[in-house]
Amino acid sequence: MDAFVQILQQALLGGAVGYGTNWLAIRLLFRPYERVKVGPFSFGPGVFVRHQEKLAREVARIAAESILTVDTLKEKLASAELREYFEDKLEGYLRAKADEEWGPPAELVPEELRREYRELVLYARGRLREEVDRFIESDEFARAVEGAVTDVLEHHGR
């Protein structure tokens, strides 16, 4: 039991000493703001206070060189992801404005023709789906895909 108490005392004492030295070190880094004289001892401004301008210049230089460069900015602005994002936003905005200005496309059709319009749209959707399915199942489509894949493999290597 005495060994446990002794180990606990040493741990607490070590923790207190470590806390105190860390507190003092941090305090001396940032303070005092001006030179303080205590008897024959003189304490100058803290390291960060004393070198504040130099530190600010170095941080700005590192940020300019490492974090945001002109090339990085150009690359990000020219990326396909950003272009796609803006295209989606623009399309959504234009659709909303068109709907706000003119209403949905079905509302542009005169009331007496709306039933025929809906039937025509449903018929066109069905025909389009059938034609796309027929084309995908055709030999022509298979040859087109095979040719495209071959071109990509030859151009970029296997």
C-alpha atoms as a PDB file:
ATOM      1  CA  MET A   1       0.000   0.000   0.000  1.00  0.00           C
ATOM      2  CA  ASP A   2       2.890   2.357   0.797  1.00  0.00           C
ATOM      3  CA  ALA A   3       4.326   1.780  -2.683  1.00  0.00           C
ATOM      4  CA  PHE A   4       0.992   2.728  -4.269  1.00  0.00           C
ATOM      5  CA  VAL A   5       0.770   5.957  -2.243  1.00  0.00           C
ATOM      6  CA  GLN A   6       4.370   6.805  -3.090  1.00  0.00           C
ATOM      7  CA  ILE A   7       3.758   6.253  -6.836  1.00  0.00           C
ATOM      8  CA  LEU A   8       0.565   8.326  -6.640  1.00  0.00           C
ATOM      9  CA  GLN A   9       2.422  11.157  -4.858  1.00  0.00           C
ATOM     10  CA  GLN A  10       5.173  11.141  -7.485  1.00  0.00           C
ATOM     11  CA  ALA A  11       2.628  11.196 -10.310  1.00  0.00           C
ATOM     12  CA  LEU A  12       0.717  14.099  -8.750  1.00  0.00           C
ATOM     13  CA  LEU A  13       3.914  16.037  -8.040  1.00  0.00           C
ATOM     14  CA  GLY A  14       5.193  15.400 -11.597  1.00  0.00           C
ATOM     15  CA  GLY A  15       1.853  16.523 -13.034  1.00  0.00           C
ATOM     16  CA  ALA A  16       1.861  19.708 -10.940  1.00  0.00           C
ATOM     17  CA  VAL A  17       5.454  20.547 -11.921  1.00  0.00           C
ATOM     18  CA  GLY A  18       4.719  19.830 -15.607  1.00  0.00           C
ATOM     19  CA  TYR A  19       1.574  21.956 -15.517  1.00  0.00           C
ATOM     20  CA  GLY A  20       3.445  24.817 -13.872  1.00  0.00           C
ATOM     21  CA  THR A  21       6.357  24.781 -16.314  1.00  0.00           C
ATOM     22  CA  ASN A  22       4.027  24.578 -19.317  1.00  0.00           C
ATOM     23  CA  TRP A  23       1.934  27.465 -17.966  1.00  0.00           C
ATOM     24  CA  LEU A  24       5.071  29.566 -17.445  1.00  0.00           C
ATOM     25  CA  ALA A  25       6.480  28.710 -20.892  1.00  0.00           C
ATOM     26  CA  ILE A  26       3.257  29.664 -22.665  1.00  0.00           C
ATOM     27  CA  ARG A  27       2.984  32.850 -20.620  1.00  0.00           C
ATOM     28  CA  LEU A  28       6.564  33.827 -21.501  1.00  0.00           C
ATOM     29  CA  LEU A  29       5.909  33.248 -25.208  1.00  0.00           C
ATOM     30  CA  PHE A  30       3.078  35.785 -25.335  1.00  0.00           C
ATOM     31  CA  ARG A  31       3.866  38.134 -22.423  1.00  0.00           C
ATOM     32  CA  PRO A  32       5.016  40.578 -21.253  1.00  0.00           C
ATOM     33  CA  TYR A  33       4.037  43.037 -23.962  1.00  0.00           C
ATOM     34  CA  GLU A  34       6.707  45.521 -22.848  1.00  0.00           C
ATOM     35  CA  ARG A  35      10.069  45.185 -21.082  1.00  0.00           C
ATOM     36  CA  VAL A  36       9.669  44.614 -17.309  1.00  0.00           C
ATOM     37  CA  LYS A  37      12.485  45.153 -14.828  1.00  0.00           C
ATOM     38  CA  VAL A  38      12.502  43.375 -11.467  1.00  0.00           C
ATOM     39  CA  GLY A  39      15.600  44.314  -9.497  1.00  0.00           C
ATOM     40  CA  PRO A  40      18.681  43.391 -11.490  1.00  0.00           C
ATOM     41  CA  PHE A  41      16.617  41.187 -13.831  1.00  0.00           C
ATOM     42  CA  SER A  42      15.041  42.444 -17.010  1.00  0.00           C
ATOM     43  CA  PHE A  43      12.303  40.590 -18.865  1.00  0.00           C
ATOM     44  CA  GLY A  44      11.739  41.595 -22.487  1.00  0.00           C
ATOM     45  CA  PRO A  45       8.587  41.152 -24.511  1.00  0.00           C
ATOM     46  CA  GLY A  46       7.473  37.611 -25.237  1.00  0.00           C
ATOM     47  CA  VAL A  47       8.867  35.819 -28.260  1.00  0.00           C
ATOM     48  CA  PHE A  48       5.687  36.232 -30.318  1.00  0.00           C
ATOM     49  CA  VAL A  49       5.243  39.855 -29.302  1.00  0.00           C
ATOM     50  CA  ARG A  50       8.878  40.677 -30.074  1.00  0.00           C
ATOM     51  CA  HIS A  51       8.817  38.982 -33.504  1.00  0.00           C
ATOM     52  CA  GLN A  52       5.197  39.687 -34.421  1.00  0.00           C
ATOM     53  CA  GLU A  53       5.929  41.470 -37.723  1.00  0.00           C
ATOM     54  CA  LYS A  54       8.448  38.862 -38.880  1.00  0.00           C
ATOM     55  CA  LEU A  55       6.077  36.045 -37.920  1.00  0.00           C
ATOM     56  CA  ALA A  56       3.191  37.682 -39.807  1.00  0.00           C
ATOM     57  CA  ARG A  57       5.342  38.081 -42.947  1.00  0.00           C
ATOM     58  CA  GLU A  58       6.484  34.449 -42.799  1.00  0.00           C
ATOM     59  CA  VAL A  59       2.962  33.099 -42.291  1.00  0.00           C
ATOM     60  CA  ALA A  60       1.723  35.194 -45.238  1.00  0.00           C
ATOM     61  CA  ARG A  61       4.611  34.004 -47.431  1.00  0.00           C
ATOM     62  CA  ILE A  62       3.996  30.343 -46.579  1.00  0.00           C
ATOM     63  CA  ALA A  63       0.266  30.715 -47.184  1.00  0.00           C
ATOM     64  CA  ALA A  64       0.847  32.403 -50.545  1.00  0.00           C
ATOM     65  CA  GLU A  65       3.368  29.810 -51.701  1.00  0.00           C
ATOM     66  CA  SER A  66       1.881  26.626 -50.297  1.00  0.00           C
ATOM     67  CA  ILE A  67      -1.817  27.024 -49.839  1.00  0.00           C
ATOM     68  CA  LEU A  68      -3.082  29.227 -52.669  1.00  0.00           C
ATOM     69  CA  THR A  69      -1.046  29.694 -55.803  1.00  0.00           C
ATOM     70  CA  VAL A  70      -2.129  31.175 -59.109  1.00  0.00           C
ATOM     71  CA  ASP A  71      -1.695  27.792 -60.788  1.00  0.00           C
ATOM     72  CA  THR A  72      -3.793  26.058 -58.136  1.00  0.00           C
ATOM     73  CA  LEU A  73      -6.507  28.671 -58.514  1.00  0.00           C
ATOM     74  CA  LYS A  74      -6.485  28.367 -62.329  1.00  0.00           C
ATOM     75  CA  GLU A  75      -6.629  24.578 -62.049  1.00  0.00           C
ATOM     76  CA  LYS A  76      -9.591  24.664 -59.672  1.00  0.00           C
ATOM     77  CA  LEU A  77     -11.491  27.208 -61.777  1.00  0.00           C
ATOM     78  CA  ALA A  78     -10.937  25.146 -64.937  1.00  0.00           C
ATOM     79  CA  SER A  79     -11.937  21.832 -63.354  1.00  0.00           C
ATOM     80  CA  ALA A  80     -14.792  19.819 -64.824  1.00  0.00           C
ATOM     81  CA  GLU A  81     -16.374  19.476 -61.378  1.00  0.00           C
ATOM     82  CA  LEU A  82     -16.672  23.247 -60.941  1.00  0.00           C
ATOM     83  CA  ARG A  83     -17.958  23.689 -64.498  1.00  0.00           C
ATOM     84  CA  GLU A  84     -20.571  20.975 -63.929  1.00  0.00           C
ATOM     85  CA  TYR A  85     -21.567  22.556 -60.613  1.00  0.00           C
ATOM     86  CA  PHE A  86     -22.125  25.955 -62.237  1.00  0.00           C
ATOM     87  CA  GLU A  87     -23.953  24.405 -65.201  1.00  0.00           C
ATOM     88  CA  ASP A  88     -26.320  22.622 -62.800  1.00  0.00           C
ATOM     89  CA  LYS A  89     -26.889  25.809 -60.817  1.00  0.00           C
ATOM     90  CA  LEU A  90     -27.461  27.843 -63.989  1.00  0.00           C
ATOM     91  CA  GLU A  91     -29.840  25.254 -65.426  1.00  0.00           C
ATOM     92  CA  GLY A  92     -31.823  25.172 -62.183  1.00  0.00           C
ATOM     93  CA  TYR A  93     -31.961  28.960 -62.058  1.00  0.00           C
ATOM     94  CA  LEU A  94     -33.074  29.253 -65.697  1.00  0.00           C
ATOM     95  CA  ARG A  95     -35.726  26.558 -65.242  1.00  0.00           C
ATOM     96  CA  ALA A  96     -37.064  28.304 -62.144  1.00  0.00           C
ATOM     97  CA  LYS A  97     -37.120  31.670 -63.939  1.00  0.00           C
ATOM     98  CA  ALA A  98     -38.824  30.160 -67.012  1.00  0.00           C
ATOM     99  CA  ASP A  99     -41.449  28.454 -64.832  1.00  0.00           C
ATOM    100  CA  GLU A 100     -41.936  31.689 -62.899  1.00  0.00           C
ATOM    101  CA  GLU A 101     -42.257  33.743 -66.084  1.00  0.00           C
ATOM    102  CA  TRP A 102     -44.234  31.363 -68.321  1.00  0.00           C
ATOM    103  CA  GLY A 103     -45.288  28.487 -66.056  1.00  0.00           C
ATOM    104  CA  PRO A 104     -44.673  24.785 -66.775  1.00  0.00           C
ATOM    105  CA  PRO A 105     -44.605  23.863 -70.510  1.00  0.00           C
ATOM    106  CA  ALA A 106     -48.025  22.170 -70.326  1.00  0.00           C
ATOM    107  CA  GLU A 107     -49.590  25.479 -69.275  1.00  0.00           C
ATOM    108  CA  LEU A 108     -48.394  27.084 -72.532  1.00  0.00           C
ATOM    109  CA  VAL A 109     -50.692  24.756 -74.466  1.00  0.00           C
ATOM    110  CA  PRO A 110     -54.234  26.099 -74.854  1.00  0.00           C
ATOM    111  CA  GLU A 111     -56.781  24.497 -72.520  1.00  0.00           C
ATOM    112  CA  GLU A 112     -58.695  22.757 -75.342  1.00  0.00           C
ATOM    113  CA  LEU A 113     -55.487  21.023 -76.582  1.00  0.00           C
ATOM    114  CA  ARG A 114     -54.039  19.903 -73.221  1.00  0.00           C
ATOM    115  CA  ARG A 115     -55.554  16.430 -73.295  1.00  0.00           C
ATOM    116  CA  GLU A 116     -54.100  15.795 -76.746  1.00  0.00           C
ATOM    117  CA  TYR A 117     -50.800  17.339 -75.609  1.00  0.00           C
ATOM    118  CA  ARG A 118     -50.522  14.912 -72.661  1.00  0.00           C
ATOM    119  CA  GLU A 119     -51.353  11.955 -74.903  1.00  0.00           C
ATOM    120  CA  LEU A 120     -48.759  13.112 -77.435  1.00  0.00           C
ATOM    121  CA  VAL A 121     -46.096  13.472 -74.726  1.00  0.00           C
ATOM    122  CA  LEU A 122     -46.843   9.980 -73.355  1.00  0.00           C
ATOM    123  CA  TYR A 123     -46.774   8.507 -76.872  1.00  0.00           C
ATOM    124  CA  ALA A 124     -43.459  10.276 -77.644  1.00  0.00           C
ATOM    125  CA  ARG A 125     -41.907   8.997 -74.404  1.00  0.00           C
ATOM    126  CA  GLY A 126     -42.943   5.435 -75.192  1.00  0.00           C
ATOM    127  CA  ARG A 127     -41.672   5.618 -78.795  1.00  0.00           C
ATOM    128  CA  LEU A 128     -38.395   7.165 -77.668  1.00  0.00           C
ATOM    129  CA  ARG A 129     -37.895   4.448 -75.059  1.00  0.00           C
ATOM    130  CA  GLU A 130     -38.626   1.737 -77.650  1.00  0.00           C
ATOM    131  CA  GLU A 131     -36.214   3.266 -80.174  1.00  0.00           C
ATOM    132  CA  VAL A 132     -33.439   3.653 -77.600  1.00  0.00           C
ATOM    133  CA  ASP A 133     -33.908   0.052 -76.443  1.00  0.00           C
ATOM    134  CA  ARG A 134     -33.884  -1.165 -80.065  1.00  0.00           C
ATOM    135  CA  PHE A 135     -30.711   0.806 -80.833  1.00  0.00           C
ATOM    136  CA  ILE A 136     -28.908  -0.452 -77.701  1.00  0.00           C
ATOM    137  CA  GLU A 137     -29.690  -4.043 -78.688  1.00  0.00           C
ATOM    138  CA  SER A 138     -28.526  -3.522 -82.297  1.00  0.00           C
ATOM    139  CA  ASP A 139     -25.261  -4.652 -83.888  1.00  0.00           C
ATOM    140  CA  GLU A 140     -24.605  -1.041 -84.894  1.00  0.00           C
ATOM    141  CA  PHE A 141     -24.476   0.036 -81.240  1.00  0.00           C
ATOM    142  CA  ALA A 142     -22.220  -2.899 -80.330  1.00  0.00           C
ATOM    143  CA  ARG A 143     -19.799  -1.932 -83.142  1.00  0.00           C
ATOM    144  CA  ALA A 144     -19.855   1.728 -82.044  1.00  0.00           C
ATOM    145  CA  VAL A 145     -19.043   0.823 -78.423  1.00  0.00           C
ATOM    146  CA  GLU A 146     -16.341  -1.621 -79.505  1.00  0.00           C
ATOM    147  CA  GLY A 147     -14.768   1.045 -81.733  1.00  0.00           C
ATOM    148  CA  ALA A 148     -14.859   3.664 -78.973  1.00  0.00           C
ATOM    149  CA  VAL A 149     -13.283   1.299 -76.432  1.00  0.00           C
ATOM    150  CA  THR A 150     -10.591   0.284 -78.928  1.00  0.00           C
ATOM    151  CA  ASP A 151      -9.788   3.940 -79.667  1.00  0.00           C
ATOM    152  CA  VAL A 152      -9.500   4.768 -75.966  1.00  0.00           C
ATOM    153  CA  LEU A 153      -7.259   1.768 -75.283  1.00  0.00           C
ATOM    154  CA  GLU A 154      -5.006   2.566 -78.235  1.00  0.00           C
ATOM    155  CA  HIS A 155      -4.784   6.235 -77.306  1.00  0.00           C
ATOM    156  CA  HIS A 156      -4.158   5.752 -73.555  1.00  0.00           C
ATOM    157  CA  GLY A 157      -2.416   2.396 -73.612  1.00  0.00           C
ATOM    158  CA  ARG A 158      -3.647  -0.925 -72.337  1.00  0.00           C
END
